[in-house]
Amino acid sequence: MLTRRRFITAGIAGGALLGVAWWLRRRGPATGDPRFAALSALDAEAPVVIAGIASVLLDGALPVEPAARAAAIDDTVAGVAQAIAGLPPVARQELGELFTLLGLAPARIALARVTPAWSEATPAEIGAFLERWRQSSLSLLRSAYDALHQLVFAAWYGNPKSWPAIGYDGPPALFG
């Protein structure tokens, strides 16, 4: 029989375990790429999570050739890092918590229903996760989806390298 004392003890132990896991993940290795400095300050797994999400969200817009596709995804991840660096501290903290949750295997499996590591997840698994969050009845998950979607699209379409593919010549010259 579960007593109140056992329930409270289990809750405290579980919270402490999650706190230790979060602390250990935050101390993880940096990505090494200076363009991703803002992301490595959030979580070591953040660039991998964003790369997986970007590859699904931008599927029709990314180059087909593998090397060009990988470079475009890296540029998008760097753009997301730049955007996050410009956000207010509260928003950076919230995104950090989101990436920490998505990076922890138990939370990733429970919240995103993505069982493999982000680097090994298929586009179908990531796409299903994004669609579940987009259509969720919980406003928190819909808000998290919107944040991820907006960051990725802003990074992609804010990059001058993506403009020729959509027929955009860039901003007009005001003085020229």
N, C-alpha and C. Protein backbone atom coordinates (compact mmCIF):
# COMPACT_ATOMS: atom_id res chain seq x y z
N MET A 1 0.84 -1.18 0.00
CA MET A 1 0.00 0.00 0.00
C MET A 1 0.89 1.24 0.00
N LEU A 2 0.54 2.18 -0.82
CA LEU A 2 1.31 3.41 -0.93
C LEU A 2 0.87 4.39 0.16
N THR A 3 1.82 4.73 1.02
CA THR A 3 1.52 5.68 2.08
C THR A 3 1.91 7.08 1.64
N ARG A 4 1.41 8.04 2.37
CA ARG A 4 1.74 9.43 2.06
C ARG A 4 3.25 9.66 2.20
N ARG A 5 3.86 9.07 3.21
CA ARG A 5 5.29 9.24 3.44
C ARG A 5 6.10 8.66 2.27
N ARG A 6 5.71 7.47 1.80
CA ARG A 6 6.40 6.86 0.65
C ARG A 6 6.23 7.70 -0.61
N PHE A 7 5.04 8.22 -0.81
CA PHE A 7 4.75 9.06 -1.97
C PHE A 7 5.62 10.31 -1.96
N ILE A 8 5.70 10.98 -0.83
CA ILE A 8 6.52 12.19 -0.71
C ILE A 8 8.00 11.86 -0.89
N THR A 9 8.46 10.76 -0.29
CA THR A 9 9.85 10.36 -0.44
C THR A 9 10.19 10.06 -1.90
N ALA A 10 9.30 9.34 -2.59
CA ALA A 10 9.53 9.04 -4.00
C ALA A 10 9.55 10.31 -4.83
N GLY A 11 8.66 11.26 -4.52
CA GLY A 11 8.64 12.53 -5.25
C GLY A 11 9.91 13.33 -5.06
N ILE A 12 10.39 13.39 -3.83
CA ILE A 12 11.63 14.11 -3.55
C ILE A 12 12.82 13.44 -4.24
N ALA A 13 12.87 12.11 -4.16
CA ALA A 13 13.97 11.38 -4.80
C ALA A 13 13.93 11.56 -6.32
N GLY A 14 12.74 11.49 -6.90
CA GLY A 14 12.62 11.68 -8.35
C GLY A 14 13.01 13.09 -8.77
N GLY A 15 12.58 14.08 -7.99
CA GLY A 15 12.95 15.46 -8.29
C GLY A 15 14.45 15.68 -8.18
N ALA A 16 15.06 15.08 -7.16
CA ALA A 16 16.51 15.20 -7.01
C ALA A 16 17.24 14.53 -8.17
N LEU A 17 16.75 13.36 -8.60
CA LEU A 17 17.36 12.66 -9.73
C LEU A 17 17.27 13.49 -11.00
N LEU A 18 16.10 14.08 -11.25
CA LEU A 18 15.96 14.94 -12.44
C LEU A 18 16.86 16.17 -12.34
N GLY A 19 16.99 16.73 -11.14
CA GLY A 19 17.87 17.88 -10.95
C GLY A 19 19.32 17.53 -11.24
N VAL A 20 19.76 16.38 -10.78
CA VAL A 20 21.14 15.93 -11.04
C VAL A 20 21.33 15.68 -12.53
N ALA A 21 20.35 15.03 -13.16
CA ALA A 21 20.46 14.77 -14.60
C ALA A 21 20.53 16.08 -15.38
N TRP A 22 19.71 17.06 -15.01
CA TRP A 22 19.74 18.36 -15.68
C TRP A 22 21.09 19.03 -15.49
N TRP A 23 21.61 18.99 -14.27
CA TRP A 23 22.90 19.61 -13.99
C TRP A 23 24.02 18.94 -14.79
N LEU A 24 24.00 17.62 -14.86
CA LEU A 24 25.03 16.91 -15.62
C LEU A 24 24.94 17.22 -17.11
N ARG A 25 23.73 17.35 -17.64
CA ARG A 25 23.56 17.67 -19.07
C ARG A 25 24.06 19.07 -19.36
N ARG A 26 23.82 20.02 -18.46
CA ARG A 26 24.26 21.40 -18.68
C ARG A 26 25.78 21.49 -18.68
N ARG A 27 26.45 20.57 -18.01
CA ARG A 27 27.90 20.58 -17.96
C ARG A 27 28.50 19.77 -19.11
N GLY A 28 27.66 19.32 -20.02
CA GLY A 28 28.12 18.49 -21.14
C GLY A 28 29.06 19.27 -22.05
N PRO A 29 29.70 18.57 -22.98
CA PRO A 29 30.66 19.22 -23.86
C PRO A 29 29.98 20.20 -24.80
N ALA A 30 30.69 21.28 -25.11
CA ALA A 30 30.20 22.26 -26.07
C ALA A 30 30.32 21.69 -27.47
N THR A 31 29.62 22.28 -28.41
CA THR A 31 29.63 21.77 -29.76
C THR A 31 30.95 22.03 -30.46
N GLY A 32 31.71 23.00 -30.02
CA GLY A 32 32.99 23.31 -30.65
C GLY A 32 32.89 24.33 -31.76
N ASP A 33 31.73 24.48 -32.36
CA ASP A 33 31.53 25.45 -33.43
C ASP A 33 31.13 26.78 -32.79
N PRO A 34 31.91 27.85 -32.99
CA PRO A 34 31.58 29.11 -32.34
C PRO A 34 30.24 29.69 -32.77
N ARG A 35 29.74 29.30 -33.95
CA ARG A 35 28.43 29.79 -34.39
C ARG A 35 27.31 29.28 -33.50
N PHE A 36 27.56 28.16 -32.81
CA PHE A 36 26.53 27.56 -31.98
C PHE A 36 26.72 27.89 -30.50
N ALA A 37 27.50 28.91 -30.18
CA ALA A 37 27.83 29.23 -28.79
C ALA A 37 26.58 29.48 -27.96
N ALA A 38 25.60 30.18 -28.53
CA ALA A 38 24.37 30.45 -27.76
C ALA A 38 23.63 29.16 -27.46
N LEU A 39 23.69 28.19 -28.36
CA LEU A 39 23.00 26.93 -28.12
C LEU A 39 23.74 26.07 -27.12
N SER A 40 25.06 26.05 -27.18
CA SER A 40 25.79 25.23 -26.23
C SER A 40 25.66 25.78 -24.82
N ALA A 41 25.36 27.09 -24.71
CA ALA A 41 25.09 27.66 -23.39
C ALA A 41 23.76 27.15 -22.86
N LEU A 42 22.84 26.77 -23.77
CA LEU A 42 21.56 26.24 -23.35
C LEU A 42 21.67 24.77 -22.98
N ASP A 43 22.15 23.97 -23.90
CA ASP A 43 22.21 22.53 -23.71
C ASP A 43 23.09 21.94 -24.79
N ALA A 44 23.86 20.94 -24.46
CA ALA A 44 24.77 20.33 -25.43
C ALA A 44 24.01 19.65 -26.56
N GLU A 45 22.78 19.22 -26.31
CA GLU A 45 21.99 18.51 -27.31
C GLU A 45 21.20 19.46 -28.23
N ALA A 46 21.12 20.74 -27.88
CA ALA A 46 20.28 21.68 -28.61
C ALA A 46 20.60 21.74 -30.11
N PRO A 47 21.86 21.82 -30.54
CA PRO A 47 22.11 21.87 -32.00
C PRO A 47 21.61 20.63 -32.73
N VAL A 48 21.70 19.46 -32.10
CA VAL A 48 21.24 18.23 -32.73
C VAL A 48 19.71 18.22 -32.83
N VAL A 49 19.05 18.69 -31.78
CA VAL A 49 17.59 18.78 -31.79
C VAL A 49 17.14 19.73 -32.89
N ILE A 50 17.75 20.90 -32.96
CA ILE A 50 17.36 21.89 -33.96
C ILE A 50 17.64 21.39 -35.37
N ALA A 51 18.77 20.72 -35.56
CA ALA A 51 19.08 20.19 -36.89
C ALA A 51 18.03 19.18 -37.33
N GLY A 52 17.61 18.31 -36.43
CA GLY A 52 16.58 17.33 -36.77
C GLY A 52 15.25 17.99 -37.10
N ILE A 53 14.88 18.97 -36.29
CA ILE A 53 13.62 19.68 -36.51
C ILE A 53 13.68 20.49 -37.80
N ALA A 54 14.81 21.16 -38.05
CA ALA A 54 14.96 21.97 -39.26
C ALA A 54 14.89 21.11 -40.51
N SER A 55 15.50 19.94 -40.46
CA SER A 55 15.48 19.08 -41.64
C SER A 55 14.07 18.64 -42.01
N VAL A 56 13.18 18.55 -41.03
CA VAL A 56 11.79 18.17 -41.30
C VAL A 56 10.96 19.40 -41.70
N LEU A 57 11.07 20.48 -40.94
CA LEU A 57 10.28 21.67 -41.24
C LEU A 57 10.61 22.29 -42.60
N LEU A 58 11.88 22.20 -42.99
CA LEU A 58 12.34 22.83 -44.23
C LEU A 58 12.52 21.82 -45.36
N ASP A 59 11.88 20.68 -45.26
CA ASP A 59 12.13 19.59 -46.19
C ASP A 59 12.06 19.99 -47.66
N GLY A 60 11.04 20.67 -48.09
CA GLY A 60 10.92 21.03 -49.49
C GLY A 60 11.80 22.20 -49.91
N ALA A 61 12.32 22.95 -48.95
CA ALA A 61 13.11 24.14 -49.25
C ALA A 61 14.62 23.87 -49.24
N LEU A 62 15.03 22.81 -48.59
CA LEU A 62 16.47 22.52 -48.48
C LEU A 62 17.02 21.96 -49.79
N PRO A 63 18.31 22.19 -50.04
CA PRO A 63 18.93 21.60 -51.23
C PRO A 63 18.86 20.07 -51.18
N VAL A 64 18.85 19.46 -52.34
CA VAL A 64 18.76 18.00 -52.42
C VAL A 64 20.13 17.36 -52.24
N GLU A 65 21.16 17.97 -52.80
CA GLU A 65 22.52 17.41 -52.72
C GLU A 65 22.95 17.32 -51.26
N PRO A 66 23.43 16.15 -50.79
CA PRO A 66 23.69 15.94 -49.35
C PRO A 66 24.63 16.95 -48.70
N ALA A 67 25.73 17.32 -49.36
CA ALA A 67 26.67 18.26 -48.75
C ALA A 67 26.04 19.65 -48.63
N ALA A 68 25.33 20.07 -49.67
CA ALA A 68 24.67 21.38 -49.64
C ALA A 68 23.54 21.38 -48.61
N ARG A 69 22.85 20.26 -48.50
CA ARG A 69 21.76 20.13 -47.52
C ARG A 69 22.32 20.24 -46.10
N ALA A 70 23.41 19.52 -45.83
CA ALA A 70 24.04 19.57 -44.51
C ALA A 70 24.52 20.98 -44.19
N ALA A 71 25.11 21.66 -45.17
CA ALA A 71 25.58 23.03 -44.95
C ALA A 71 24.40 23.97 -44.67
N ALA A 72 23.30 23.78 -45.39
CA ALA A 72 22.11 24.62 -45.17
C ALA A 72 21.53 24.39 -43.78
N ILE A 73 21.52 23.14 -43.34
CA ILE A 73 21.01 22.85 -41.99
C ILE A 73 21.94 23.46 -40.94
N ASP A 74 23.26 23.35 -41.15
CA ASP A 74 24.21 23.97 -40.21
C ASP A 74 24.01 25.49 -40.16
N ASP A 75 23.80 26.11 -41.32
CA ASP A 75 23.55 27.56 -41.35
C ASP A 75 22.26 27.90 -40.60
N THR A 76 21.26 27.05 -40.74
CA THR A 76 19.99 27.30 -40.04
C THR A 76 20.18 27.16 -38.54
N VAL A 77 20.92 26.14 -38.10
CA VAL A 77 21.18 25.97 -36.67
C VAL A 77 21.95 27.18 -36.14
N ALA A 78 22.91 27.66 -36.90
CA ALA A 78 23.66 28.85 -36.49
C ALA A 78 22.75 30.08 -36.43
N GLY A 79 21.79 30.18 -37.36
CA GLY A 79 20.83 31.28 -37.34
C GLY A 79 19.92 31.21 -36.13
N VAL A 80 19.51 30.00 -35.76
CA VAL A 80 18.70 29.84 -34.55
C VAL A 80 19.51 30.26 -33.33
N ALA A 81 20.79 29.87 -33.29
CA ALA A 81 21.66 30.26 -32.18
C ALA A 81 21.76 31.78 -32.09
N GLN A 82 21.90 32.43 -33.22
CA GLN A 82 21.99 33.89 -33.25
C GLN A 82 20.68 34.51 -32.77
N ALA A 83 19.56 33.95 -33.19
CA ALA A 83 18.26 34.47 -32.75
C ALA A 83 18.07 34.29 -31.25
N ILE A 84 18.46 33.13 -30.73
CA ILE A 84 18.32 32.87 -29.30
C ILE A 84 19.20 33.82 -28.51
N ALA A 85 20.39 34.11 -29.01
CA ALA A 85 21.30 35.02 -28.31
C ALA A 85 20.70 36.41 -28.18
N GLY A 86 19.83 36.78 -29.10
CA GLY A 86 19.22 38.11 -29.07
C GLY A 86 17.93 38.19 -28.27
N LEU A 87 17.48 37.08 -27.72
CA LEU A 87 16.24 37.07 -26.96
C LEU A 87 16.47 37.55 -25.53
N PRO A 88 15.41 37.99 -24.87
CA PRO A 88 15.53 38.37 -23.46
C PRO A 88 15.92 37.15 -22.61
N PRO A 89 16.54 37.38 -21.46
CA PRO A 89 16.98 36.27 -20.61
C PRO A 89 15.86 35.28 -20.25
N VAL A 90 14.66 35.76 -20.02
CA VAL A 90 13.57 34.86 -19.65
C VAL A 90 13.25 33.91 -20.80
N ALA A 91 13.22 34.42 -22.02
CA ALA A 91 12.93 33.58 -23.18
C ALA A 91 14.07 32.57 -23.40
N ARG A 92 15.32 33.02 -23.21
CA ARG A 92 16.45 32.09 -23.33
C ARG A 92 16.35 30.98 -22.30
N GLN A 93 15.94 31.33 -21.09
CA GLN A 93 15.80 30.33 -20.03
C GLN A 93 14.70 29.32 -20.40
N GLU A 94 13.58 29.81 -20.89
CA GLU A 94 12.49 28.90 -21.27
C GLU A 94 12.92 27.98 -22.40
N LEU A 95 13.62 28.52 -23.39
CA LEU A 95 14.11 27.67 -24.47
C LEU A 95 15.14 26.67 -23.96
N GLY A 96 15.96 27.11 -23.02
CA GLY A 96 16.93 26.19 -22.42
C GLY A 96 16.24 25.03 -21.73
N GLU A 97 15.16 25.33 -21.02
CA GLU A 97 14.40 24.27 -20.36
C GLU A 97 13.78 23.33 -21.39
N LEU A 98 13.27 23.89 -22.49
CA LEU A 98 12.69 23.07 -23.55
C LEU A 98 13.73 22.14 -24.15
N PHE A 99 14.91 22.68 -24.48
CA PHE A 99 15.95 21.84 -25.07
C PHE A 99 16.50 20.81 -24.08
N THR A 100 16.54 21.17 -22.81
CA THR A 100 16.97 20.20 -21.80
C THR A 100 15.98 19.05 -21.73
N LEU A 101 14.69 19.37 -21.73
CA LEU A 101 13.68 18.32 -21.71
C LEU A 101 13.76 17.43 -22.95
N LEU A 102 13.88 18.07 -24.12
CA LEU A 102 13.95 17.29 -25.35
C LEU A 102 15.24 16.48 -25.45
N GLY A 103 16.29 16.92 -24.76
CA GLY A 103 17.56 16.21 -24.79
C GLY A 103 17.62 15.03 -23.84
N LEU A 104 16.86 15.06 -22.76
CA LEU A 104 16.85 13.95 -21.80
C LEU A 104 16.01 12.81 -22.35
N ALA A 105 16.58 11.63 -22.41
CA ALA A 105 15.88 10.49 -23.02
C ALA A 105 14.50 10.23 -22.43
N PRO A 106 14.35 10.15 -21.10
CA PRO A 106 13.00 9.87 -20.58
C PRO A 106 11.98 10.96 -20.95
N ALA A 107 12.39 12.21 -20.88
CA ALA A 107 11.48 13.30 -21.24
C ALA A 107 11.22 13.31 -22.74
N ARG A 108 12.25 13.05 -23.53
CA ARG A 108 12.08 13.01 -24.99
C ARG A 108 11.07 11.93 -25.37
N ILE A 109 11.18 10.78 -24.73
CA ILE A 109 10.27 9.68 -25.05
C ILE A 109 8.86 9.99 -24.56
N ALA A 110 8.74 10.55 -23.36
CA ALA A 110 7.42 10.83 -22.79
C ALA A 110 6.72 12.00 -23.47
N LEU A 111 7.45 13.09 -23.73
CA LEU A 111 6.83 14.30 -24.28
C LEU A 111 6.77 14.31 -25.80
N ALA A 112 7.86 13.88 -26.43
CA ALA A 112 7.93 13.95 -27.89
C ALA A 112 7.61 12.62 -28.56
N ARG A 113 7.66 11.55 -27.78
CA ARG A 113 7.46 10.18 -28.29
C ARG A 113 8.47 9.85 -29.38
N VAL A 114 9.68 10.37 -29.22
CA VAL A 114 10.80 10.04 -30.11
C VAL A 114 11.72 9.14 -29.31
N THR A 115 11.76 7.86 -29.65
CA THR A 115 12.55 6.92 -28.85
C THR A 115 14.04 6.94 -29.17
N PRO A 116 14.45 7.01 -30.43
CA PRO A 116 15.90 7.07 -30.65
C PRO A 116 16.46 8.45 -30.31
N ALA A 117 17.78 8.53 -30.20
CA ALA A 117 18.43 9.83 -30.01
C ALA A 117 18.08 10.71 -31.21
N TRP A 118 18.13 12.03 -31.01
CA TRP A 118 17.76 12.95 -32.08
C TRP A 118 18.60 12.73 -33.34
N SER A 119 19.86 12.41 -33.17
CA SER A 119 20.73 12.21 -34.34
C SER A 119 20.36 10.96 -35.12
N GLU A 120 19.62 10.04 -34.50
CA GLU A 120 19.24 8.79 -35.15
C GLU A 120 17.75 8.73 -35.50
N ALA A 121 16.99 9.72 -35.10
CA ALA A 121 15.54 9.73 -35.37
C ALA A 121 15.28 9.94 -36.86
N THR A 122 14.27 9.28 -37.35
CA THR A 122 13.91 9.42 -38.76
C THR A 122 13.08 10.69 -38.96
N PRO A 123 13.05 11.20 -40.17
CA PRO A 123 12.19 12.36 -40.44
C PRO A 123 10.72 12.08 -40.11
N ALA A 124 10.27 10.84 -40.32
CA ALA A 124 8.88 10.50 -40.00
C ALA A 124 8.62 10.61 -38.50
N GLU A 125 9.56 10.17 -37.67
CA GLU A 125 9.39 10.26 -36.22
C GLU A 125 9.38 11.72 -35.76
N ILE A 126 10.30 12.51 -36.30
CA ILE A 126 10.35 13.93 -35.93
C ILE A 126 9.11 14.66 -36.44
N GLY A 127 8.69 14.35 -37.66
CA GLY A 127 7.50 14.96 -38.21
C GLY A 127 6.25 14.63 -37.40
N ALA A 128 6.14 13.39 -36.94
CA ALA A 128 4.99 12.99 -36.12
C ALA A 128 5.01 13.74 -34.78
N PHE A 129 6.19 13.88 -34.19
CA PHE A 129 6.32 14.65 -32.94
C PHE A 129 5.87 16.09 -33.15
N LEU A 130 6.35 16.73 -34.22
CA LEU A 130 5.98 18.11 -34.49
C LEU A 130 4.48 18.26 -34.73
N GLU A 131 3.90 17.33 -35.45
CA GLU A 131 2.46 17.40 -35.73
C GLU A 131 1.65 17.20 -34.45
N ARG A 132 2.08 16.28 -33.58
CA ARG A 132 1.38 16.08 -32.30
C ARG A 132 1.40 17.36 -31.48
N TRP A 133 2.56 18.01 -31.41
CA TRP A 133 2.66 19.25 -30.64
C TRP A 133 1.87 20.37 -31.31
N ARG A 134 1.86 20.43 -32.61
CA ARG A 134 1.12 21.48 -33.33
C ARG A 134 -0.38 21.35 -33.09
N GLN A 135 -0.87 20.10 -33.03
CA GLN A 135 -2.30 19.83 -32.87
C GLN A 135 -2.71 19.56 -31.42
N SER A 136 -1.77 19.68 -30.48
CA SER A 136 -2.04 19.32 -29.09
C SER A 136 -3.16 20.16 -28.48
N SER A 137 -3.88 19.53 -27.56
CA SER A 137 -4.91 20.27 -26.82
C SER A 137 -4.28 21.11 -25.70
N LEU A 138 -3.01 20.84 -25.41
CA LEU A 138 -2.30 21.61 -24.38
C LEU A 138 -1.65 22.84 -25.00
N SER A 139 -1.99 24.00 -24.52
CA SER A 139 -1.44 25.23 -25.10
C SER A 139 0.08 25.32 -24.90
N LEU A 140 0.60 24.71 -23.85
CA LEU A 140 2.04 24.73 -23.62
C LEU A 140 2.80 24.02 -24.75
N LEU A 141 2.30 22.87 -25.18
CA LEU A 141 2.95 22.14 -26.28
C LEU A 141 2.78 22.89 -27.60
N ARG A 142 1.60 23.48 -27.82
CA ARG A 142 1.42 24.27 -29.04
C ARG A 142 2.35 25.47 -29.06
N SER A 143 2.53 26.11 -27.90
CA SER A 143 3.44 27.25 -27.81
C SER A 143 4.88 26.82 -28.06
N ALA A 144 5.27 25.67 -27.54
CA ALA A 144 6.62 25.16 -27.77
C ALA A 144 6.82 24.86 -29.26
N TYR A 145 5.82 24.26 -29.90
CA TYR A 145 5.90 24.02 -31.34
C TYR A 145 6.06 25.34 -32.09
N ASP A 146 5.23 26.31 -31.74
CA ASP A 146 5.30 27.62 -32.42
C ASP A 146 6.67 28.24 -32.27
N ALA A 147 7.26 28.15 -31.07
CA ALA A 147 8.59 28.73 -30.86
C ALA A 147 9.62 28.03 -31.74
N LEU A 148 9.59 26.71 -31.77
CA LEU A 148 10.55 25.97 -32.60
C LEU A 148 10.34 26.30 -34.08
N HIS A 149 9.10 26.31 -34.51
CA HIS A 149 8.76 26.61 -35.91
C HIS A 149 9.24 28.01 -36.30
N GLN A 150 8.93 29.00 -35.47
CA GLN A 150 9.30 30.38 -35.79
C GLN A 150 10.81 30.57 -35.79
N LEU A 151 11.51 29.96 -34.85
CA LEU A 151 12.97 30.08 -34.82
C LEU A 151 13.60 29.49 -36.07
N VAL A 152 13.15 28.30 -36.46
CA VAL A 152 13.73 27.64 -37.64
C VAL A 152 13.41 28.43 -38.90
N PHE A 153 12.17 28.85 -39.07
CA PHE A 153 11.82 29.57 -40.29
C PHE A 153 12.48 30.94 -40.35
N ALA A 154 12.58 31.62 -39.22
CA ALA A 154 13.27 32.91 -39.22
C ALA A 154 14.74 32.75 -39.57
N ALA A 155 15.36 31.70 -39.03
CA ALA A 155 16.78 31.46 -39.34
C ALA A 155 16.96 31.10 -40.82
N TRP A 156 16.05 30.33 -41.38
CA TRP A 156 16.17 29.91 -42.77
C TRP A 156 15.92 31.09 -43.72
N TYR A 157 14.79 31.75 -43.56
CA TYR A 157 14.44 32.82 -44.49
C TYR A 157 15.18 34.13 -44.20
N GLY A 158 15.80 34.24 -43.06
CA GLY A 158 16.64 35.39 -42.76
C GLY A 158 18.04 35.26 -43.34
N ASN A 159 18.37 34.08 -43.85
CA ASN A 159 19.69 33.82 -44.41
C ASN A 159 19.69 34.17 -45.90
N PRO A 160 20.53 35.10 -46.32
CA PRO A 160 20.56 35.48 -47.74
C PRO A 160 20.82 34.32 -48.70
N LYS A 161 21.43 33.23 -48.23
CA LYS A 161 21.67 32.07 -49.10
C LYS A 161 20.37 31.39 -49.53
N SER A 162 19.29 31.57 -48.77
CA SER A 162 18.02 30.93 -49.12
C SER A 162 17.17 31.79 -50.05
N TRP A 163 17.50 33.03 -50.21
CA TRP A 163 16.67 33.94 -50.98
C TRP A 163 16.54 33.59 -52.45
N PRO A 164 17.59 33.19 -53.17
CA PRO A 164 17.42 32.88 -54.59
C PRO A 164 16.39 31.77 -54.85
N ALA A 165 16.30 30.80 -53.95
CA ALA A 165 15.37 29.69 -54.15
C ALA A 165 13.92 30.14 -54.11
N ILE A 166 13.64 31.28 -53.45
CA ILE A 166 12.26 31.76 -53.37
C ILE A 166 12.04 33.00 -54.24
N GLY A 167 13.06 33.36 -55.02
CA GLY A 167 12.93 34.49 -55.93
C GLY A 167 13.01 35.85 -55.27
N TYR A 168 13.62 35.91 -54.10
CA TYR A 168 13.76 37.18 -53.40
C TYR A 168 15.14 37.74 -53.66
N ASP A 169 15.21 38.97 -54.13
CA ASP A 169 16.49 39.58 -54.48
C ASP A 169 17.15 40.28 -53.29
N GLY A 170 16.48 40.33 -52.19
CA GLY A 170 17.01 41.01 -51.01
C GLY A 170 16.32 42.34 -50.83
N PRO A 171 16.61 42.99 -49.74
CA PRO A 171 15.96 44.28 -49.48
C PRO A 171 16.41 45.31 -50.50
N PRO A 172 15.54 46.25 -50.83
CA PRO A 172 15.91 47.28 -51.81
C PRO A 172 16.97 48.22 -51.24
N ALA A 173 17.80 48.70 -52.12
CA ALA A 173 18.81 49.69 -51.71
C ALA A 173 18.12 51.04 -51.59
N LEU A 174 18.23 51.65 -50.44
CA LEU A 174 17.57 52.93 -50.23
C LEU A 174 18.38 54.09 -50.79
N PHE A 175 19.67 53.97 -50.71
CA PHE A 175 20.55 55.02 -51.21
C PHE A 175 21.53 54.38 -52.19
N GLY A 176 21.36 54.62 -53.41
CA GLY A 176 22.29 53.95 -54.28
C GLY A 176 22.47 54.55 -55.54
